[in-house]
Amino acid sequence: MRGIVIKSTGALYTVLLEDGRNLTCRIRGNLRLIDFEATNPLTVGDNVNVEWDQSQDVGNITELFDRKNYIIRKSVKLSKQVQIIAANIDRAWVVATPVLPKTSLGFIDRFLATAEAHSVPAGILWNKADIYDEDVWDFVNELKNLYEGIGYKVMSVSGLTGIGIQALTEELKGKVNLFSGHSGVGKTSLINALIPGMALKTSRLSSQHMKGTHTTTFAEMHPLPEGGFLIDTPGIREFGTIDFDKHEVSHFFPDIFVFAKGCKFNNCLHTNEKDCAVKPAVERGEIAYSRYDSYLSILSNQDIFR
């Protein structure tokens, strides 16, 4: 039987079968897995074949089908390994907030660069729009113009009051969508608004640090009422990129890459090289300084953002 992994809790996986049933499964020992070291051999969104052991009412995952894409980050506890967040994604959304808590642009750019590196279309959801004042709206609209100019879909929404939810519902319909972001940005409230009846548990921000607590423990894929799926992921503090070749980092910044083609040397890193076309573009304002700063931080392997 063929199915999709919709939840992973370590050794056990929940697989949505083609006939609509959910089956708890484990991995058969000789299953062919990925060719790089990861903390999780299978992930939400994987297409698999399953054999049903009727005597124990469990399934054995016997085959992993090729992935069209996936998104990964550094494992928090094992720095030399990677964590596969999800696979076979139509669009990965970084859920961000300009206040309470404030999401750093470095985090957003790191997420977008990782999506670019693994051929995953990406977008930005600015949540908690119900609490923006005029200055915050100006800030969000400025960033919307910046990122939409690069080619990313950007939307402002509120999971609590419903601002932008109808438009977002249409955007998600029929697709496999991933939500990722810091703890406390309201992913769970957003999902509750998009999937009536879910009633996922939410939590308050820490008054001391203005950061959220983790209400999602494992990645899980939820069917959307209008068709398609939404993958909810645990909140993450920082987004570590996976050993990019330093000469390829600019490839994952479309706004930088378009100018990089004009550099005199094809191995230009856009730092202090002669006849670089990128740095003058930054100075002219044709590349946002925040984006160039994010590029430099990945280049120097600085994973933590304020």
Protein backbone atom coordinates (compact mmCIF):
# COMPACT_ATOMS: atom_id res chain seq x y z
CA MET A 1 0.00 0.00 0.00
CA ARG A 2 1.21 3.48 -0.81
CA GLY A 3 0.89 6.43 1.52
CA ILE A 4 2.29 9.71 2.86
CA VAL A 5 4.09 10.13 6.18
CA ILE A 6 1.97 12.67 8.08
CA LYS A 7 3.62 12.43 11.51
CA SER A 8 6.99 11.34 12.85
CA THR A 9 7.60 10.72 16.54
CA GLY A 10 11.01 9.07 16.40
CA ALA A 11 10.78 5.32 15.85
CA LEU A 12 7.11 5.37 14.82
CA TYR A 13 5.45 7.08 11.88
CA THR A 14 1.82 7.79 11.04
CA VAL A 15 1.13 7.11 7.36
CA LEU A 16 -1.97 8.34 5.53
CA LEU A 17 -2.85 5.54 3.12
CA GLU A 18 -4.39 6.08 -0.30
CA ASP A 19 -7.70 4.71 0.99
CA GLY A 20 -7.85 7.46 3.63
CA ARG A 21 -6.87 5.36 6.66
CA ASN A 22 -4.10 6.32 9.08
CA LEU A 23 -1.69 3.52 9.98
CA THR A 24 1.04 3.51 12.64
CA CYS A 25 4.24 2.24 11.02
CA ARG A 26 7.84 1.43 11.69
CA ILE A 27 10.83 1.18 9.34
CA ARG A 28 11.83 -2.19 7.97
CA GLY A 29 15.54 -2.78 8.66
CA ASN A 30 16.61 -3.10 5.02
CA LEU A 31 14.80 0.04 3.83
CA ARG A 32 16.89 2.10 1.40
CA LEU A 33 17.28 5.51 2.98
CA ILE A 34 18.92 8.81 2.05
CA ASP A 35 22.61 9.03 1.23
CA PHE A 36 23.55 11.62 3.86
CA GLU A 37 23.65 11.45 7.63
CA ALA A 38 20.49 12.78 9.24
CA THR A 39 18.91 12.54 12.66
CA ASN A 40 15.64 11.40 11.05
CA PRO A 41 15.74 8.89 8.15
CA LEU A 42 12.12 9.59 7.16
CA THR A 43 10.18 12.82 7.43
CA VAL A 44 6.72 14.27 7.09
CA GLY A 45 5.73 14.49 3.43
CA ASP A 46 7.66 11.39 2.36
CA ASN A 47 5.87 9.06 -0.06
CA VAL A 48 6.31 5.45 1.03
CA ASN A 49 5.18 1.89 0.45
CA VAL A 50 3.77 0.05 3.47
CA GLU A 51 3.08 -3.61 4.27
CA TRP A 52 0.34 -4.12 6.86
CA ASP A 53 1.02 -6.61 9.66
CA GLN A 54 -2.59 -7.49 10.49
CA SER A 55 -1.65 -9.57 13.52
CA GLN A 56 -0.22 -6.48 15.27
CA ASP A 57 -2.22 -3.82 13.40
CA VAL A 58 0.96 -1.96 12.44
CA GLY A 59 2.65 -1.27 9.15
CA ASN A 60 6.20 -1.82 7.96
CA ILE A 61 7.57 0.93 5.70
CA THR A 62 9.30 -1.03 2.95
CA GLU A 63 10.15 1.64 0.36
CA LEU A 64 10.88 5.36 0.29
CA PHE A 65 10.07 6.98 -3.06
CA ASP A 66 12.30 9.69 -4.51
CA ARG A 67 11.72 13.15 -3.08
CA LYS A 68 11.05 16.08 -5.41
CA ASN A 69 12.59 18.35 -2.75
CA TYR A 70 13.09 18.71 0.98
CA ILE A 71 14.14 21.34 3.47
CA ILE A 72 16.78 20.73 6.13
CA ARG A 73 18.69 22.51 8.88
CA LYS A 74 21.53 21.70 11.23
CA SER A 75 20.65 19.40 14.08
CA VAL A 76 20.56 21.39 17.32
CA LYS A 77 22.21 18.68 19.44
CA LEU A 78 24.41 17.02 16.82
CA SER A 79 26.16 19.76 14.87
CA LYS A 80 27.60 17.40 12.25
CA GLN A 81 24.22 15.96 11.39
CA VAL A 82 21.20 17.47 9.71
CA GLN A 83 17.50 17.42 10.47
CA ILE A 84 15.12 16.95 7.57
CA ILE A 85 12.17 19.20 8.36
CA ALA A 86 9.82 17.97 5.61
CA ALA A 87 9.78 16.68 2.04
CA ASN A 88 7.81 17.10 -1.20
CA ILE A 89 6.77 20.67 -0.43
CA ASP A 90 4.93 22.98 -2.81
CA ARG A 91 5.71 26.06 -0.70
CA ALA A 92 7.57 26.64 2.56
CA TRP A 93 6.33 29.63 4.54
CA VAL A 94 8.36 31.30 7.24
CA VAL A 95 5.90 32.64 9.80
CA ALA A 96 7.33 35.85 11.23
CA THR A 97 6.32 38.71 13.52
CA PRO A 98 7.67 42.28 13.48
CA VAL A 99 6.92 42.63 17.22
CA LEU A 100 6.16 40.42 20.22
CA PRO A 101 8.51 38.72 19.42
CA LYS A 102 10.47 40.37 16.64
CA THR A 103 11.76 37.96 13.99
CA SER A 104 15.22 38.88 12.76
CA LEU A 105 15.69 39.42 9.04
CA GLY A 106 18.73 37.18 9.28
CA PHE A 107 16.52 34.27 10.33
CA ILE A 108 14.14 34.94 7.45
CA ASP A 109 16.95 35.20 4.90
CA ARG A 110 18.58 32.01 6.18
CA PHE A 111 15.29 30.16 5.81
CA LEU A 112 14.76 31.53 2.29
CA ALA A 113 18.33 30.67 1.25
CA THR A 114 17.91 27.10 2.47
CA ALA A 115 14.65 26.81 0.54
CA GLU A 116 16.41 28.12 -2.60
CA ALA A 117 19.24 25.62 -2.12
CA HIS A 118 16.81 22.70 -2.06
CA SER A 119 14.44 23.89 -4.80
CA VAL A 120 11.55 24.66 -2.44
CA PRO A 121 9.39 27.69 -3.37
CA ALA A 122 9.10 29.95 -0.31
CA GLY A 123 7.11 32.82 1.11
CA ILE A 124 6.75 34.99 4.22
CA LEU A 125 3.71 35.27 6.48
CA TRP A 126 3.72 38.31 8.77
CA ASN A 127 1.43 37.21 11.60
CA LYS A 128 -0.27 39.15 14.43
CA ALA A 129 -1.38 41.93 12.06
CA ASP A 130 -4.09 42.84 14.59
CA ILE A 131 -1.51 44.46 16.91
CA TYR A 132 0.45 46.53 14.37
CA ASP A 133 0.48 50.28 14.82
CA GLU A 134 1.17 52.69 11.98
CA ASP A 135 4.97 52.47 12.34
CA VAL A 136 4.91 48.67 12.34
CA TRP A 137 2.67 48.63 9.26
CA ASP A 138 5.17 50.92 7.50
CA PHE A 139 7.97 48.51 8.42
CA VAL A 140 6.03 45.44 7.25
CA ASN A 141 5.00 47.08 3.97
CA GLU A 142 8.59 48.13 3.30
CA LEU A 143 9.69 44.53 3.75
CA LYS A 144 6.80 43.30 1.61
CA ASN A 145 8.01 45.51 -1.23
CA LEU A 146 11.58 44.27 -0.72
CA TYR A 147 10.83 40.55 -0.72
CA GLU A 148 8.10 40.60 -3.36
CA GLY A 149 10.56 42.50 -5.56
CA ILE A 150 12.93 39.53 -5.18
CA GLY A 151 10.15 37.10 -6.09
CA TYR A 152 8.75 35.83 -2.76
CA LYS A 153 5.06 35.80 -1.86
CA VAL A 154 4.46 37.95 1.24
CA MET A 155 1.21 38.18 3.21
CA SER A 156 0.08 39.89 6.43
CA VAL A 157 -2.35 37.87 8.54
CA SER A 158 -3.78 37.42 12.02
CA GLY A 159 -4.65 34.00 13.37
CA LEU A 160 -6.62 35.62 16.19
CA THR A 161 -8.84 38.09 14.34
CA GLY A 162 -8.90 36.58 10.85
CA ILE A 163 -7.11 39.38 8.99
CA GLY A 164 -5.93 37.95 5.65
CA ILE A 165 -7.10 34.40 6.43
CA GLN A 166 -9.45 34.12 3.44
CA ALA A 167 -6.72 35.21 1.03
CA LEU A 168 -4.25 32.82 2.68
CA THR A 169 -6.77 29.98 2.45
CA GLU A 170 -6.93 30.47 -1.32
CA GLU A 171 -3.14 30.59 -1.52
CA LEU A 172 -2.73 27.28 0.36
CA LYS A 173 -5.54 25.38 -1.37
CA GLY A 174 -4.50 22.21 -3.16
CA LYS A 175 -0.82 22.52 -2.19
CA VAL A 176 1.51 20.91 0.34
CA ASN A 177 2.48 23.86 2.53
CA LEU A 178 5.01 24.05 5.34
CA PHE A 179 4.89 26.53 8.23
CA SER A 180 8.09 27.20 10.14
CA GLY A 181 9.27 29.96 12.45
CA HIS A 182 10.34 31.00 15.91
CA SER A 183 8.36 29.89 18.94
CA GLY A 184 5.82 32.55 19.82
CA VAL A 185 5.04 33.85 16.32
CA GLY A 186 1.55 32.36 16.45
CA LYS A 187 1.84 29.38 14.08
CA THR A 188 -0.61 27.35 16.13
CA SER A 189 -3.24 30.12 16.26
CA LEU A 190 -2.83 30.53 12.51
CA ILE A 191 -3.41 26.82 11.93
CA ASN A 192 -6.47 26.87 14.19
CA ALA A 193 -7.88 29.70 12.03
CA LEU A 194 -7.16 27.84 8.80
CA ILE A 195 -8.50 24.46 9.95
CA PRO A 196 -11.66 24.96 12.03
CA GLY A 197 -12.05 22.33 14.72
CA MET A 198 -8.33 21.65 15.11
CA ALA A 199 -8.15 23.42 18.50
CA LEU A 200 -4.38 22.94 18.77
CA LYS A 201 -2.89 23.99 22.09
CA THR A 202 -1.41 27.49 22.24
CA SER A 203 0.73 29.13 24.92
CA ARG A 204 1.58 32.61 26.17
CA LEU A 205 4.84 34.42 25.52
CA SER A 206 7.45 34.45 28.27
CA SER A 207 7.13 37.87 29.93
CA GLN A 208 10.86 37.86 30.68
CA HIS A 209 12.23 37.04 27.24
CA MET A 210 9.24 37.75 24.98
CA LYS A 211 9.68 34.35 23.38
CA GLY A 212 7.18 31.57 22.98
CA THR A 213 7.24 28.10 24.40
CA HIS A 214 7.10 25.03 22.21
CA THR A 215 3.51 23.83 21.73
CA THR A 216 4.35 21.61 18.73
CA THR A 217 6.68 18.73 19.64
CA PHE A 218 6.86 16.86 16.32
CA ALA A 219 6.30 17.87 12.71
CA GLU A 220 2.83 16.91 11.58
CA MET A 221 0.87 17.19 8.34
CA HIS A 222 -2.79 18.27 8.53
CA PRO A 223 -5.33 18.04 5.67
CA LEU A 224 -6.78 21.42 4.67
CA PRO A 225 -10.59 21.70 4.33
CA GLU A 226 -10.27 23.10 0.79
CA GLY A 227 -7.76 20.43 -0.27
CA GLY A 228 -4.01 20.15 0.17
CA PHE A 229 -1.99 19.88 3.36
CA LEU A 230 -0.36 22.08 5.96
CA ILE A 231 2.82 20.88 7.70
CA ASP A 232 3.24 22.27 11.20
CA THR A 233 6.78 22.21 12.60
CA PRO A 234 8.17 22.80 16.11
CA GLY A 235 9.24 26.37 16.81
CA ILE A 236 12.96 26.92 16.27
CA ARG A 237 15.32 29.45 17.83
CA GLU A 238 17.76 29.76 14.93
CA PHE A 239 18.11 28.32 11.45
CA GLY A 240 21.51 26.77 10.80
CA THR A 241 22.41 26.35 7.15
CA ILE A 242 24.03 23.15 5.98
CA ASP A 243 27.62 23.61 4.86
CA PHE A 244 27.00 25.67 1.75
CA ASP A 245 29.92 25.89 -0.65
CA LYS A 246 31.10 29.47 -0.12
CA HIS A 247 31.15 30.06 -3.87
CA GLU A 248 27.50 29.01 -4.17
CA VAL A 249 25.97 31.05 -1.32
CA SER A 250 25.16 33.96 -3.64
CA HIS A 251 23.22 31.54 -5.87
CA PHE A 252 20.66 31.24 -3.05
CA PHE A 253 20.11 35.02 -2.92
CA PRO A 254 18.35 35.81 -6.24
CA ASP A 255 18.73 39.56 -5.76
CA ILE A 256 22.49 39.20 -5.25
CA PHE A 257 22.99 36.54 -7.90
CA VAL A 258 21.61 38.73 -10.67
CA PHE A 259 24.42 41.25 -10.03
CA ALA A 260 27.05 38.56 -9.36
CA LYS A 261 26.92 37.69 -13.05
CA GLY A 262 28.64 41.02 -13.71
CA CYS A 263 31.68 40.33 -11.52
CA LYS A 264 35.02 40.13 -13.30
CA PHE A 265 35.98 36.85 -11.62
CA ASN A 266 33.59 33.89 -11.55
CA ASN A 267 34.84 32.87 -8.08
CA CYS A 268 34.14 36.31 -6.59
CA LEU A 269 32.81 36.15 -3.02
CA HIS A 270 31.60 39.77 -3.13
CA THR A 271 33.60 40.86 -0.11
CA ASN A 272 36.85 42.65 -1.05
CA GLU A 273 37.53 41.41 -4.58
CA LYS A 274 38.50 43.71 -7.42
CA ASP A 275 35.81 44.57 -10.00
CA CYS A 276 33.00 43.05 -7.94
CA ALA A 277 29.56 44.02 -9.24
CA VAL A 278 27.68 43.20 -6.04
CA LYS A 279 29.19 45.67 -3.56
CA PRO A 280 28.54 48.69 -5.78
CA ALA A 281 24.93 47.51 -6.15
CA VAL A 282 24.64 47.45 -2.35
CA GLU A 283 26.08 50.97 -2.15
CA ARG A 284 23.59 52.17 -4.78
CA GLY A 285 20.71 50.64 -2.84
CA GLU A 286 19.88 48.13 -5.57
CA ILE A 287 20.56 45.30 -3.10
CA ALA A 288 19.19 45.81 0.42
CA TYR A 289 21.94 46.06 3.01
CA SER A 290 20.04 43.65 5.27
CA ARG A 291 20.15 41.01 2.54
CA TYR A 292 23.85 41.57 1.91
CA ASP A 293 24.49 41.34 5.67
CA SER A 294 22.61 38.03 5.79
CA TYR A 295 24.69 36.78 2.86
CA LEU A 296 27.92 37.69 4.67
CA SER A 297 26.78 35.98 7.87
CA ILE A 298 26.15 32.71 6.03
CA LEU A 299 29.47 33.10 4.24
CA SER A 300 31.23 33.36 7.62
CA ASN A 301 29.08 30.56 9.09
CA GLN A 302 27.52 32.69 11.82
CA ASP A 303 24.35 30.83 12.74
CA ILE A 304 22.92 32.93 15.55
CA PHE A 305 21.01 36.15 14.98
CA ARG A 306 19.97 38.72 17.56
